[in-house]
C-alpha atoms as a PDB file:
ATOM      1  CA  MET A   1      -2.236  53.838   7.667  1.00  0.00           C
ATOM      2  CA  GLN A   2       0.992  52.070   6.666  1.00  0.00           C
ATOM      3  CA  LYS A   3       2.000  51.879  10.308  1.00  0.00           C
ATOM      4  CA  LEU A   4      -1.398  50.431  11.176  1.00  0.00           C
ATOM      5  CA  VAL A   5      -1.151  47.756   8.455  1.00  0.00           C
ATOM      6  CA  ALA A   6       2.395  46.856   9.511  1.00  0.00           C
ATOM      7  CA  SER A   7       1.295  46.625  13.113  1.00  0.00           C
ATOM      8  CA  SER A   8      -1.614  44.368  12.097  1.00  0.00           C
ATOM      9  CA  PHE A   9       0.777  42.051  10.255  1.00  0.00           C
ATOM     10  CA  CYS A  10       3.036  41.878  13.303  1.00  0.00           C
ATOM     11  CA  ILE A  11       0.119  41.042  15.590  1.00  0.00           C
ATOM     12  CA  ALA A  12      -1.126  38.371  13.163  1.00  0.00           C
ATOM     13  CA  ALA A  13       2.355  36.861  12.900  1.00  0.00           C
ATOM     14  CA  LEU A  14       2.656  36.798  16.655  1.00  0.00           C
ATOM     15  CA  PHE A  15      -0.778  35.194  17.026  1.00  0.00           C
ATOM     16  CA  PHE A  16      -0.128  32.430  14.512  1.00  0.00           C
ATOM     17  CA  SER A  17       3.348  31.728  15.869  1.00  0.00           C
ATOM     18  CA  CYS A  18       1.871  31.285  19.318  1.00  0.00           C
ATOM     19  CA  THR A  19      -1.104  29.194  18.307  1.00  0.00           C
ATOM     20  CA  ALA A  20       0.491  26.972  15.634  1.00  0.00           C
ATOM     21  CA  PRO A  21       0.625  23.290  16.653  1.00  0.00           C
ATOM     22  CA  PRO A  22       3.968  22.048  17.913  1.00  0.00           C
ATOM     23  CA  PRO A  23       6.089  20.180  15.350  1.00  0.00           C
ATOM     24  CA  ARG A  24       5.335  16.486  15.079  1.00  0.00           C
ATOM     25  CA  LYS A  25       7.772  14.261  16.940  1.00  0.00           C
ATOM     26  CA  ASP A  26       7.518  11.171  14.770  1.00  0.00           C
ATOM     27  CA  VAL A  27      10.325   8.762  13.904  1.00  0.00           C
ATOM     28  CA  VAL A  28       9.995   6.284  11.064  1.00  0.00           C
ATOM     29  CA  LEU A  29      11.729   2.979  11.741  1.00  0.00           C
ATOM     30  CA  ALA A  30      12.145   0.516   8.893  1.00  0.00           C
ATOM     31  CA  THR A  31      12.849  -2.957  10.203  1.00  0.00           C
ATOM     32  CA  THR A  32      12.443  -6.649   9.546  1.00  0.00           C
ATOM     33  CA  THR A  33       9.215  -8.586   9.865  1.00  0.00           C
ATOM     34  CA  SER A  34      10.998 -10.863  12.352  1.00  0.00           C
ATOM     35  CA  THR A  35      11.272  -8.181  15.030  1.00  0.00           C
ATOM     36  CA  ARG A  36       7.569  -7.470  14.605  1.00  0.00           C
ATOM     37  CA  ASP A  37       6.323 -11.053  14.318  1.00  0.00           C
ATOM     38  CA  ALA A  38       8.246 -12.155  17.408  1.00  0.00           C
ATOM     39  CA  GLY A  39       6.785  -9.244  19.386  1.00  0.00           C
ATOM     40  CA  LEU A  40      10.096  -7.629  20.365  1.00  0.00           C
ATOM     41  CA  LEU A  41       9.153  -4.117  19.226  1.00  0.00           C
ATOM     42  CA  ASP A  42       6.042  -4.215  21.401  1.00  0.00           C
ATOM     43  CA  SER A  43       8.388  -4.607  24.340  1.00  0.00           C
ATOM     44  CA  LEU A  44      10.946  -1.961  23.359  1.00  0.00           C
ATOM     45  CA  LEU A  45       9.182   0.939  21.705  1.00  0.00           C
ATOM     46  CA  PRO A  46       6.731   1.899  24.490  1.00  0.00           C
ATOM     47  CA  ALA A  47       9.708   2.400  26.793  1.00  0.00           C
ATOM     48  CA  PHE A  48      11.407   4.665  24.260  1.00  0.00           C
ATOM     49  CA  GLU A  49       8.256   6.653  23.550  1.00  0.00           C
ATOM     50  CA  ALA A  50       7.490   7.169  27.254  1.00  0.00           C
ATOM     51  CA  LYS A  51      11.037   8.292  27.920  1.00  0.00           C
ATOM     52  CA  THR A  52      11.480  10.698  24.983  1.00  0.00           C
ATOM     53  CA  GLY A  53       8.047  11.827  23.856  1.00  0.00           C
ATOM     54  CA  TYR A  54       8.736  10.677  20.299  1.00  0.00           C
ATOM     55  CA  THR A  55       6.237   8.470  18.481  1.00  0.00           C
ATOM     56  CA  VAL A  56       7.721   5.656  16.405  1.00  0.00           C
ATOM     57  CA  SER A  57       6.038   4.637  13.167  1.00  0.00           C
ATOM     58  CA  VAL A  58       7.200   1.114  12.278  1.00  0.00           C
ATOM     59  CA  VAL A  59       7.360  -0.277   8.769  1.00  0.00           C
ATOM     60  CA  SER A  60       8.123  -3.998   8.877  1.00  0.00           C
ATOM     61  CA  VAL A  61       9.383  -5.384   5.579  1.00  0.00           C
ATOM     62  CA  GLY A  62      12.286  -7.471   4.339  1.00  0.00           C
ATOM     63  CA  THR A  63      15.746  -6.083   5.090  1.00  0.00           C
ATOM     64  CA  GLY A  64      16.347  -5.190   1.455  1.00  0.00           C
ATOM     65  CA  GLN A  65      13.115  -3.228   1.294  1.00  0.00           C
ATOM     66  CA  ALA A  66      13.837  -1.547   4.649  1.00  0.00           C
ATOM     67  CA  LEU A  67      17.211  -0.342   3.418  1.00  0.00           C
ATOM     68  CA  GLU A  68      15.741   0.874   0.139  1.00  0.00           C
ATOM     69  CA  MET A  69      13.041   2.791   2.024  1.00  0.00           C
ATOM     70  CA  ALA A  70      15.660   4.660   4.026  1.00  0.00           C
ATOM     71  CA  ARG A  71      17.734   5.358   0.917  1.00  0.00           C
ATOM     72  CA  ARG A  72      14.635   6.965  -0.648  1.00  0.00           C
ATOM     73  CA  GLY A  73      14.131   9.130   2.420  1.00  0.00           C
ATOM     74  CA  ASP A  74      11.035   7.304   3.632  1.00  0.00           C
ATOM     75  CA  ALA A  75      12.684   6.215   6.895  1.00  0.00           C
ATOM     76  CA  GLU A  76      15.491   7.653   9.016  1.00  0.00           C
ATOM     77  CA  VAL A  77      16.654   4.649  10.995  1.00  0.00           C
ATOM     78  CA  VAL A  78      16.788   0.924  10.226  1.00  0.00           C
ATOM     79  CA  LEU A  79      17.131  -2.217  12.356  1.00  0.00           C
ATOM     80  CA  VAL A  80      18.138  -4.988   9.949  1.00  0.00           C
ATOM     81  CA  HIS A  81      20.100  -8.205   9.565  1.00  0.00           C
ATOM     82  CA  ALA A  82      22.094  -8.439   6.336  1.00  0.00           C
ATOM     83  CA  PRO A  83      25.710  -7.644   7.312  1.00  0.00           C
ATOM     84  CA  GLU A  84      27.311  -7.749   3.852  1.00  0.00           C
ATOM     85  CA  LEU A  85      24.677  -5.473   2.338  1.00  0.00           C
ATOM     86  CA  GLU A  86      24.793  -3.129   5.346  1.00  0.00           C
ATOM     87  CA  ARG A  87      28.571  -2.709   5.141  1.00  0.00           C
ATOM     88  CA  ALA A  88      28.417  -1.941   1.430  1.00  0.00           C
ATOM     89  CA  LEU A  89      25.798   0.763   1.981  1.00  0.00           C
ATOM     90  CA  VAL A  90      27.716   2.326   4.877  1.00  0.00           C
ATOM     91  CA  ASP A  91      30.887   2.373   2.755  1.00  0.00           C
ATOM     92  CA  SER A  92      28.893   4.106   0.005  1.00  0.00           C
ATOM     93  CA  GLY A  93      27.715   6.809   2.415  1.00  0.00           C
ATOM     94  CA  TYR A  94      24.033   5.880   2.503  1.00  0.00           C
ATOM     95  CA  PHE A  95      24.086   5.030   6.226  1.00  0.00           C
ATOM     96  CA  MET A  96      26.117   5.918   9.290  1.00  0.00           C
ATOM     97  CA  ARG A  97      26.734   4.858  12.893  1.00  0.00           C
ATOM     98  CA  ARG A  98      26.229   1.141  12.179  1.00  0.00           C
ATOM     99  CA  ARG A  99      26.071  -0.563  15.589  1.00  0.00           C
ATOM    100  CA  MET A 100      25.422  -4.106  16.680  1.00  0.00           C
ATOM    101  CA  VAL A 101      22.224  -4.523  18.723  1.00  0.00           C
ATOM    102  CA  MET A 102      21.587  -8.260  19.179  1.00  0.00           C
ATOM    103  CA  HIS A 103      21.585 -11.651  17.537  1.00  0.00           C
ATOM    104  CA  ASP A 104      19.491 -14.773  17.259  1.00  0.00           C
ATOM    105  CA  ASP A 105      19.825 -17.765  14.962  1.00  0.00           C
ATOM    106  CA  PHE A 106      18.107 -19.378  12.009  1.00  0.00           C
ATOM    107  CA  LEU A 107      16.490 -22.781  11.847  1.00  0.00           C
ATOM    108  CA  LEU A 108      15.377 -25.094   9.090  1.00  0.00           C
ATOM    109  CA  VAL A 109      11.879 -26.337   9.807  1.00  0.00           C
ATOM    110  CA  GLY A 110       9.526 -28.601   7.949  1.00  0.00           C
ATOM    111  CA  PRO A 111       6.834 -31.265   8.064  1.00  0.00           C
ATOM    112  CA  ALA A 112       7.067 -34.070  10.636  1.00  0.00           C
ATOM    113  CA  SER A 113       7.080 -36.558   7.735  1.00  0.00           C
ATOM    114  CA  ASP A 114      10.465 -35.066   6.739  1.00  0.00           C
ATOM    115  CA  PRO A 115      10.733 -36.452   3.180  1.00  0.00           C
ATOM    116  CA  ALA A 116      14.312 -35.164   2.797  1.00  0.00           C
ATOM    117  CA  ARG A 117      15.333 -36.851   6.079  1.00  0.00           C
ATOM    118  CA  LEU A 118      16.865 -33.796   7.724  1.00  0.00           C
ATOM    119  CA  ALA A 119      15.864 -34.329  11.377  1.00  0.00           C
ATOM    120  CA  GLY A 120      18.652 -33.849  13.893  1.00  0.00           C
ATOM    121  CA  GLY A 121      21.011 -32.301  11.363  1.00  0.00           C
ATOM    122  CA  HIS A 122      23.432 -29.441  11.929  1.00  0.00           C
ATOM    123  CA  ASP A 123      24.702 -28.876   8.383  1.00  0.00           C
ATOM    124  CA  ALA A 124      22.621 -26.228   6.619  1.00  0.00           C
ATOM    125  CA  VAL A 125      24.228 -26.671   3.200  1.00  0.00           C
ATOM    126  CA  ALA A 126      23.815 -30.456   3.230  1.00  0.00           C
ATOM    127  CA  ALA A 127      20.176 -29.975   4.232  1.00  0.00           C
ATOM    128  CA  MET A 128      19.471 -27.656   1.322  1.00  0.00           C
ATOM    129  CA  ARG A 129      21.131 -30.103  -1.053  1.00  0.00           C
ATOM    130  CA  ALA A 130      18.974 -32.925   0.324  1.00  0.00           C
ATOM    131  CA  ILE A 131      15.773 -30.906  -0.107  1.00  0.00           C
ATOM    132  CA  ALA A 132      16.617 -30.222  -3.739  1.00  0.00           C
ATOM    133  CA  ALA A 133      17.556 -33.859  -4.395  1.00  0.00           C
ATOM    134  CA  ALA A 134      14.258 -35.021  -2.934  1.00  0.00           C
ATOM    135  CA  ARG A 135      12.310 -32.309  -4.764  1.00  0.00           C
ATOM    136  CA  ALA A 136      10.608 -31.746  -1.429  1.00  0.00           C
ATOM    137  CA  PRO A 137       8.409 -28.627  -1.214  1.00  0.00           C
ATOM    138  CA  PHE A 138      10.309 -25.567   0.003  1.00  0.00           C
ATOM    139  CA  VAL A 139       8.808 -22.143   0.707  1.00  0.00           C
ATOM    140  CA  SER A 140      11.154 -19.186   0.205  1.00  0.00           C
ATOM    141  CA  ARG A 141      10.559 -15.751   1.674  1.00  0.00           C
ATOM    142  CA  GLY A 142      11.340 -14.382  -1.790  1.00  0.00           C
ATOM    143  CA  ASP A 143      11.305 -10.815  -0.493  1.00  0.00           C
ATOM    144  CA  ARG A 144      14.954  -9.689  -0.380  1.00  0.00           C
ATOM    145  CA  SER A 145      14.904 -10.031   3.398  1.00  0.00           C
ATOM    146  CA  GLY A 146      17.923 -11.062   5.456  1.00  0.00           C
ATOM    147  CA  THR A 147      16.377 -14.520   5.672  1.00  0.00           C
ATOM    148  CA  HIS A 148      16.003 -14.654   1.893  1.00  0.00           C
ATOM    149  CA  LEU A 149      19.608 -13.519   1.397  1.00  0.00           C
ATOM    150  CA  LEU A 150      20.785 -16.315   3.698  1.00  0.00           C
ATOM    151  CA  GLU A 151      18.682 -18.837   1.793  1.00  0.00           C
ATOM    152  CA  ARG A 152      20.174 -17.761  -1.526  1.00  0.00           C
ATOM    153  CA  ARG A 153      23.644 -18.055  -0.061  1.00  0.00           C
ATOM    154  CA  LEU A 154      22.944 -21.581   1.151  1.00  0.00           C
ATOM    155  CA  TRP A 155      21.650 -22.626  -2.283  1.00  0.00           C
ATOM    156  CA  ARG A 156      24.854 -21.279  -3.869  1.00  0.00           C
ATOM    157  CA  LEU A 157      27.020 -23.194  -1.392  1.00  0.00           C
ATOM    158  CA  ALA A 158      24.941 -26.322  -2.070  1.00  0.00           C
ATOM    159  CA  GLY A 159      25.451 -25.931  -5.812  1.00  0.00           C
ATOM    160  CA  VAL A 160      21.696 -25.657  -6.434  1.00  0.00           C
ATOM    161  CA  THR A 161      19.859 -23.009  -8.435  1.00  0.00           C
ATOM    162  CA  PRO A 162      16.136 -23.324  -7.756  1.00  0.00           C
ATOM    163  CA  SER A 163      13.737 -21.323  -9.890  1.00  0.00           C
ATOM    164  CA  ARG A 164      10.058 -20.514 -10.085  1.00  0.00           C
ATOM    165  CA  SER A 165       9.694 -23.151 -12.784  1.00  0.00           C
ATOM    166  CA  ASP A 166      10.532 -25.834 -10.194  1.00  0.00           C
ATOM    167  CA  LYS A 167       7.226 -27.080  -8.836  1.00  0.00           C
ATOM    168  CA  TRP A 168       8.797 -27.869  -5.469  1.00  0.00           C
ATOM    169  CA  TYR A 169      10.143 -24.319  -4.996  1.00  0.00           C
ATOM    170  CA  ILE A 170       7.566 -21.763  -3.828  1.00  0.00           C
ATOM    171  CA  GLU A 171       8.154 -18.037  -3.330  1.00  0.00           C
ATOM    172  CA  ALA A 172       5.928 -16.506  -0.666  1.00  0.00           C
ATOM    173  CA  GLY A 173       6.929 -12.870  -1.140  1.00  0.00           C
ATOM    174  CA  GLN A 174       5.808 -12.257   2.439  1.00  0.00           C
ATOM    175  CA  GLY A 175       7.110 -11.838   5.976  1.00  0.00           C
ATOM    176  CA  MET A 176       8.337 -14.542   8.309  1.00  0.00           C
ATOM    177  CA  ALA A 177       5.077 -15.410  10.045  1.00  0.00           C
ATOM    178  CA  ALA A 178       3.160 -15.583   6.763  1.00  0.00           C
ATOM    179  CA  THR A 179       5.907 -17.735   5.227  1.00  0.00           C
ATOM    180  CA  LEU A 180       5.747 -20.166   8.141  1.00  0.00           C
ATOM    181  CA  GLN A 181       1.996 -20.419   7.774  1.00  0.00           C
ATOM    182  CA  MET A 182       2.331 -21.113   4.055  1.00  0.00           C
ATOM    183  CA  ALA A 183       4.966 -23.798   4.687  1.00  0.00           C
ATOM    184  CA  ASP A 184       2.639 -25.337   7.237  1.00  0.00           C
ATOM    185  CA  GLN A 185      -0.272 -25.402   4.784  1.00  0.00           C
ATOM    186  CA  LYS A 186       1.848 -26.924   2.025  1.00  0.00           C
ATOM    187  CA  GLN A 187       3.735 -29.323   4.283  1.00  0.00           C
ATOM    188  CA  ALA A 188       6.943 -27.751   3.089  1.00  0.00           C
ATOM    189  CA  TYR A 189      10.381 -26.861   4.412  1.00  0.00           C
ATOM    190  CA  THR A 190      11.439 -23.283   5.094  1.00  0.00           C
ATOM    191  CA  ILE A 191      14.094 -21.243   6.895  1.00  0.00           C
ATOM    192  CA  SER A 192      12.982 -19.195   9.905  1.00  0.00           C
ATOM    193  CA  ASP A 193      14.575 -17.142  12.608  1.00  0.00           C
ATOM    194  CA  ARG A 194      14.187 -18.893  15.947  1.00  0.00           C
ATOM    195  CA  PRO A 195      12.157 -16.147  17.726  1.00  0.00           C
ATOM    196  CA  THR A 196       9.423 -16.089  15.096  1.00  0.00           C
ATOM    197  CA  TYR A 197       9.280 -19.878  14.896  1.00  0.00           C
ATOM    198  CA  LEU A 198       8.972 -20.240  18.671  1.00  0.00           C
ATOM    199  CA  THR A 199       6.335 -17.498  18.817  1.00  0.00           C
ATOM    200  CA  TRP A 200       4.229 -19.303  16.190  1.00  0.00           C
ATOM    201  CA  ARG A 201       5.141 -22.923  16.963  1.00  0.00           C
ATOM    202  CA  ASP A 202       1.946 -23.800  18.834  1.00  0.00           C
ATOM    203  CA  LYS A 203      -0.145 -22.728  15.820  1.00  0.00           C
ATOM    204  CA  LEU A 204       1.881 -24.795  13.329  1.00  0.00           C
ATOM    205  CA  GLN A 205       2.669 -28.431  12.580  1.00  0.00           C
ATOM    206  CA  LEU A 206       6.216 -27.627  11.479  1.00  0.00           C
ATOM    207  CA  ALA A 207       9.047 -29.424  13.273  1.00  0.00           C
ATOM    208  CA  LEU A 208      12.482 -27.987  14.042  1.00  0.00           C
ATOM    209  CA  LEU A 209      14.796 -30.164  11.940  1.00  0.00           C
ATOM    210  CA  VAL A 210      18.187 -28.457  11.451  1.00  0.00           C
ATOM    211  CA  GLU A 211      19.900 -26.040  13.816  1.00  0.00           C
ATOM    212  CA  GLY A 212      23.324 -25.112  15.173  1.00  0.00           C
ATOM    213  CA  ASP A 213      25.222 -24.427  11.941  1.00  0.00           C
ATOM    214  CA  THR A 214      27.507 -21.378  12.211  1.00  0.00           C
ATOM    215  CA  LEU A 215      25.931 -20.162   8.952  1.00  0.00           C
ATOM    216  CA  PHE A 216      22.694 -19.779  10.886  1.00  0.00           C
ATOM    217  CA  TYR A 217      24.095 -16.979  13.090  1.00  0.00           C
ATOM    218  CA  ASN A 218      21.822 -13.939  12.640  1.00  0.00           C
ATOM    219  CA  VAL A 219      23.023 -10.515  13.805  1.00  0.00           C
ATOM    220  CA  TYR A 220      21.036  -7.260  13.839  1.00  0.00           C
ATOM    221  CA  HIS A 221      22.504  -3.774  13.411  1.00  0.00           C
ATOM    222  CA  VAL A 222      20.946  -0.330  13.766  1.00  0.00           C
ATOM    223  CA  MET A 223      21.933   2.426  11.345  1.00  0.00           C
ATOM    224  CA  GLU A 224      20.782   5.932  10.497  1.00  0.00           C
ATOM    225  CA  VAL A 225      20.719   7.898   7.274  1.00  0.00           C
ATOM    226  CA  PRO A 226      23.200  10.824   7.279  1.00  0.00           C
ATOM    227  CA  GLN A 227      20.354  13.402   7.392  1.00  0.00           C
ATOM    228  CA  ALA A 228      18.609  11.701  10.320  1.00  0.00           C
ATOM    229  CA  GLY A 229      16.900  14.001  12.779  1.00  0.00           C
ATOM    230  CA  ALA A 230      17.201  14.100  16.544  1.00  0.00           C
ATOM    231  CA  GLY A 231      14.421  11.551  17.016  1.00  0.00           C
ATOM    232  CA  ALA A 232      16.052   8.996  14.764  1.00  0.00           C
ATOM    233  CA  ARG A 233      19.396   9.451  16.495  1.00  0.00           C
ATOM    234  CA  ALA A 234      17.688   9.080  19.870  1.00  0.00           C
ATOM    235  CA  LEU A 235      15.989   5.840  18.770  1.00  0.00           C
ATOM    236  CA  ALA A 236      19.221   4.378  17.439  1.00  0.00           C
ATOM    237  CA  ASP A 237      20.978   5.286  20.696  1.00  0.00           C
ATOM    238  CA  PHE A 238      18.111   3.725  22.650  1.00  0.00           C
ATOM    239  CA  PHE A 239      18.506   0.330  20.938  1.00  0.00           C
ATOM    240  CA  VAL A 240      22.096   0.080  22.225  1.00  0.00           C
ATOM    241  CA  SER A 241      21.389   1.621  25.640  1.00  0.00           C
ATOM    242  CA  PRO A 242      21.630  -0.434  28.840  1.00  0.00           C
ATOM    243  CA  GLU A 243      17.849  -0.079  29.284  1.00  0.00           C
ATOM    244  CA  ALA A 244      16.978  -1.531  25.891  1.00  0.00           C
ATOM    245  CA  GLN A 245      19.677  -4.189  26.091  1.00  0.00           C
ATOM    246  CA  ALA A 246      18.238  -5.368  29.409  1.00  0.00           C
ATOM    247  CA  LEU A 247      14.752  -5.564  27.856  1.00  0.00           C
ATOM    248  CA  ILE A 248      16.132  -7.517  24.914  1.00  0.00           C
ATOM    249  CA  GLY A 249      17.877  -9.922  27.265  1.00  0.00           C
ATOM    250  CA  LYS A 250      14.644 -10.610  29.162  1.00  0.00           C
ATOM    251  CA  PHE A 251      12.368 -10.876  26.145  1.00  0.00           C
ATOM    252  CA  GLY A 252      10.878 -14.346  25.851  1.00  0.00           C
ATOM    253  CA  THR A 253      12.019 -15.668  29.231  1.00  0.00           C
ATOM    254  CA  THR A 254       8.529 -15.627  30.770  1.00  0.00           C
ATOM    255  CA  ARG A 255       6.826 -17.409  27.893  1.00  0.00           C
ATOM    256  CA  PHE A 256       9.583 -19.693  26.623  1.00  0.00           C
ATOM    257  CA  GLY A 257      11.959 -19.987  29.575  1.00  0.00           C
ATOM    258  CA  ARG A 258      14.776 -18.542  27.455  1.00  0.00           C
ATOM    259  CA  THR A 259      15.639 -15.245  25.846  1.00  0.00           C
ATOM    260  CA  LEU A 260      14.816 -15.039  22.151  1.00  0.00           C
ATOM    261  CA  PHE A 261      17.441 -12.431  21.285  1.00  0.00           C
ATOM    262  CA  ILE A 262      20.949 -12.097  22.729  1.00  0.00           C
ATOM    263  CA  PRO A 263      21.889  -8.441  23.469  1.00  0.00           C
ATOM    264  CA  ASP A 264      25.170  -7.491  21.792  1.00  0.00           C
ATOM    265  CA  ALA A 265      25.692  -3.742  22.151  1.00  0.00           C
ATOM    266  CA  GLY A 266      29.281  -2.862  22.955  1.00  0.00           C
ATOM    267  CA  LYS A 267      30.659  -6.293  22.046  1.00  0.00           C
ATOM    268  CA  PRO A 268      33.399  -6.655  19.397  1.00  0.00           C
ATOM    269  CA  ASP A 269      31.702  -6.579  16.028  1.00  0.00           C
ATOM    270  CA  ARG A 270      33.241  -8.756  13.302  1.00  0.00           C
ATOM    271  CA  TRP A 271      30.096  -8.575  11.201  1.00  0.00           C
END
C-alpha cells in the first residue's frame, strides 16, 4: 500500500509539473511620462516584445516616483532623466549598469500674449526671474519628475523661491501632457520637453518662447536594480542596442521632419 501511495504521489507530481502554466515573462519598466506622452515607447517596445517574447508593463510617472518604485521592488528597470539623482542612487547600490540612451531638450512655453516678455530668449534663468517679477501664471509639474527637478534648479539659480501661497504659481502634480494642457487653459508658462510639446502643439495655444540654453539639455539613462531578472536585463540591453538606437533616431521624422530624441548609446557620458 505504501508503495502504491508513493507511486500515486509521483504520478501526480509528474502530471502537475507537465501541465502547470509556463512562468510569466513580464518585465515592469518604470519611466517618465515624457517617453509615453511623446509616443516613443509605442515605437520601441513592440520590437522588443516580438524579438524576445517578453511582455513589458509600463508605469509612466515622474522620474522621482519611477526610481522610488524600483527601490521598493515594484519595477526592475528604469528609463529616467535626472542625472544627479541617478548617480547618487547608483553610488548607494540601489541601481546598476547605468547607461546613456538618448537626449532631447527642454523648452519654456507660454501664452502668445507673453506678459513676461520672454519670446526669442535663450537664457532660462533670466526667463524664470522675469516670470516671477511679472507674477505671471506658471504651472509646475510638481511631481518630483526630471522636469520638476530642473525647474527647481532654475528657480534656485534665479534667486526665487515660489510657493503654493503665491497665486501665480500652480502645481499640477501630473505628467507632461496634462501639465501642458493645464498651462494652456490657464494661459500660463511652463517647462516642457521638446518631444511632448511638439506632439501636443497642434492641440494647444502655447508658444515656444525660450530654447537653446545649455541648462535645457535633457539626457535619459537606463538602469536596473541589482536583483533584476533576465527580462529586465534584456530590456535594458535593448534600449542601447543598434536596433533600438536606430528606431530612436528615426522617431518623429515622418510627422515633424526631425527626430525628437537623439540616440546616445556608446557615446562618452559626462552626465
